[in-house]
């Protein structure tokens, strides 16, 4: 089983993707059908899980893939 520390290595690029598209978190929440609070948890790397339906909806709204949204940081770069 993976160590809990590995969770800190998964980084969500939601903030960067929103900025690139000139979209607010509130607008994305409307498009995706989730709360701003839940998206904020994801954006700030505090999420421990994400439903595939939510991930798909975010990717559809942003015109990206899961690999654009979520990246694994090298071990030495993890907080």
C-alpha atoms as a PDB file:
ATOM      1  CA  UNK A   1       0.000   0.000   0.000  1.00  0.00           C
ATOM      2  CA  UNK A   2       1.370   3.466  -0.890  1.00  0.00           C
ATOM      3  CA  UNK A   3       2.567   5.758   1.850  1.00  0.00           C
ATOM      4  CA  UNK A   4       0.311   8.634   2.919  1.00  0.00           C
ATOM      5  CA  UNK A   5       3.143  11.017   2.028  1.00  0.00           C
ATOM      6  CA  UNK A   6       2.594  10.176  -1.645  1.00  0.00           C
ATOM      7  CA  UNK A   7      -0.744  12.028  -1.532  1.00  0.00           C
ATOM      8  CA  UNK A   8       1.180  15.287  -1.142  1.00  0.00           C
ATOM      9  CA  UNK A   9       2.957  14.611  -4.436  1.00  0.00           C
ATOM     10  CA  UNK A  10      -0.238  14.865  -6.500  1.00  0.00           C
ATOM     11  CA  UNK A  11      -0.660  18.506  -7.501  1.00  0.00           C
ATOM     12  CA  UNK A  12      -3.825  19.968  -8.987  1.00  0.00           C
ATOM     13  CA  UNK A  13      -3.171  22.598 -11.653  1.00  0.00           C
ATOM     14  CA  UNK A  14      -6.727  23.970 -11.491  1.00  0.00           C
ATOM     15  CA  UNK A  15      -5.606  27.503 -10.608  1.00  0.00           C
ATOM     16  CA  UNK A  16      -3.219  27.611 -13.579  1.00  0.00           C
ATOM     17  CA  UNK A  17      -5.796  26.221 -16.013  1.00  0.00           C
ATOM     18  CA  UNK A  18      -8.432  28.706 -14.841  1.00  0.00           C
ATOM     19  CA  UNK A  19      -5.990  31.592 -15.297  1.00  0.00           C
ATOM     20  CA  UNK A  20      -5.035  30.410 -18.788  1.00  0.00           C
ATOM     21  CA  UNK A  21      -8.717  30.356 -19.755  1.00  0.00           C
ATOM     22  CA  UNK A  22      -9.720  33.560 -17.970  1.00  0.00           C
ATOM     23  CA  UNK A  23     -12.325  31.642 -15.975  1.00  0.00           C
ATOM     24  CA  UNK A  24     -13.277  32.076 -12.336  1.00  0.00           C
ATOM     25  CA  UNK A  25     -13.736  29.302  -9.834  1.00  0.00           C
ATOM     26  CA  UNK A  26     -17.364  30.407  -9.425  1.00  0.00           C
ATOM     27  CA  UNK A  27     -18.018  30.042 -13.163  1.00  0.00           C
ATOM     28  CA  UNK A  28     -16.397  26.609 -13.232  1.00  0.00           C
ATOM     29  CA  UNK A  29     -18.559  25.568 -10.272  1.00  0.00           C
ATOM     30  CA  UNK A  30     -21.670  26.587 -12.260  1.00  0.00           C
ATOM     31  CA  UNK A  31     -20.547  24.641 -15.326  1.00  0.00           C
ATOM     32  CA  UNK A  32     -19.543  21.532 -13.401  1.00  0.00           C
ATOM     33  CA  UNK A  33     -22.388  21.506 -10.870  1.00  0.00           C
ATOM     34  CA  UNK A  34     -20.294  21.364  -7.721  1.00  0.00           C
ATOM     35  CA  UNK A  35     -19.788  23.933  -4.980  1.00  0.00           C
ATOM     36  CA  UNK A  36     -17.068  26.550  -5.042  1.00  0.00           C
ATOM     37  CA  UNK A  37     -15.916  25.149  -1.687  1.00  0.00           C
ATOM     38  CA  UNK A  38     -15.374  21.679  -3.162  1.00  0.00           C
ATOM     39  CA  UNK A  39     -13.458  23.107  -6.123  1.00  0.00           C
ATOM     40  CA  UNK A  40     -11.400  25.238  -3.740  1.00  0.00           C
ATOM     41  CA  UNK A  41     -10.402  22.116  -1.782  1.00  0.00           C
ATOM     42  CA  UNK A  42      -9.237  20.557  -5.051  1.00  0.00           C
ATOM     43  CA  UNK A  43      -7.484  23.737  -6.225  1.00  0.00           C
ATOM     44  CA  UNK A  44      -5.561  24.072  -2.965  1.00  0.00           C
ATOM     45  CA  UNK A  45      -4.301  20.453  -3.040  1.00  0.00           C
ATOM     46  CA  UNK A  46      -6.351  19.480   0.019  1.00  0.00           C
ATOM     47  CA  UNK A  47      -8.554  16.928  -1.757  1.00  0.00           C
ATOM     48  CA  UNK A  48      -7.999  13.282  -0.905  1.00  0.00           C
ATOM     49  CA  UNK A  49     -10.205  11.945  -3.701  1.00  0.00           C
ATOM     50  CA  UNK A  50     -12.166  13.034  -6.761  1.00  0.00           C
ATOM     51  CA  UNK A  51     -15.080  11.299  -8.450  1.00  0.00           C
ATOM     52  CA  UNK A  52     -14.554  10.373 -12.069  1.00  0.00           C
ATOM     53  CA  UNK A  53     -17.797  12.168 -12.947  1.00  0.00           C
ATOM     54  CA  UNK A  54     -16.474  15.391 -11.374  1.00  0.00           C
ATOM     55  CA  UNK A  55     -13.081  14.973 -13.018  1.00  0.00           C
ATOM     56  CA  UNK A  56     -14.753  14.433 -16.393  1.00  0.00           C
ATOM     57  CA  UNK A  57     -16.999  17.470 -15.942  1.00  0.00           C
ATOM     58  CA  UNK A  58     -14.031  19.686 -14.988  1.00  0.00           C
ATOM     59  CA  UNK A  59     -12.032  18.479 -17.982  1.00  0.00           C
ATOM     60  CA  UNK A  60     -15.009  19.061 -20.311  1.00  0.00           C
ATOM     61  CA  UNK A  61     -15.515  22.597 -18.968  1.00  0.00           C
ATOM     62  CA  UNK A  62     -11.812  23.471 -19.229  1.00  0.00           C
ATOM     63  CA  UNK A  63     -11.126  21.611 -22.473  1.00  0.00           C
ATOM     64  CA  UNK A  64      -8.336  19.600 -20.906  1.00  0.00           C
ATOM     65  CA  UNK A  65      -7.419  16.050 -19.944  1.00  0.00           C
ATOM     66  CA  UNK A  66      -6.925  14.592 -16.453  1.00  0.00           C
ATOM     67  CA  UNK A  67      -3.175  14.671 -17.127  1.00  0.00           C
ATOM     68  CA  UNK A  68      -3.370  18.433 -17.706  1.00  0.00           C
ATOM     69  CA  UNK A  69      -5.213  18.902 -14.425  1.00  0.00           C
ATOM     70  CA  UNK A  70      -3.380  16.498 -12.107  1.00  0.00           C
ATOM     71  CA  UNK A  71       0.377  15.978 -12.047  1.00  0.00           C
ATOM     72  CA  UNK A  72       2.679  13.946  -9.794  1.00  0.00           C
ATOM     73  CA  UNK A  73       5.538  15.996  -8.401  1.00  0.00           C
ATOM     74  CA  UNK A  74       9.023  14.538  -8.048  1.00  0.00           C
ATOM     75  CA  UNK A  75       9.764  13.280  -4.531  1.00  0.00           C
ATOM     76  CA  UNK A  76      12.174  16.119  -3.809  1.00  0.00           C
ATOM     77  CA  UNK A  77       9.572  18.749  -4.824  1.00  0.00           C
ATOM     78  CA  UNK A  78       6.824  17.478  -2.515  1.00  0.00           C
ATOM     79  CA  UNK A  79       5.941  19.698   0.438  1.00  0.00           C
END
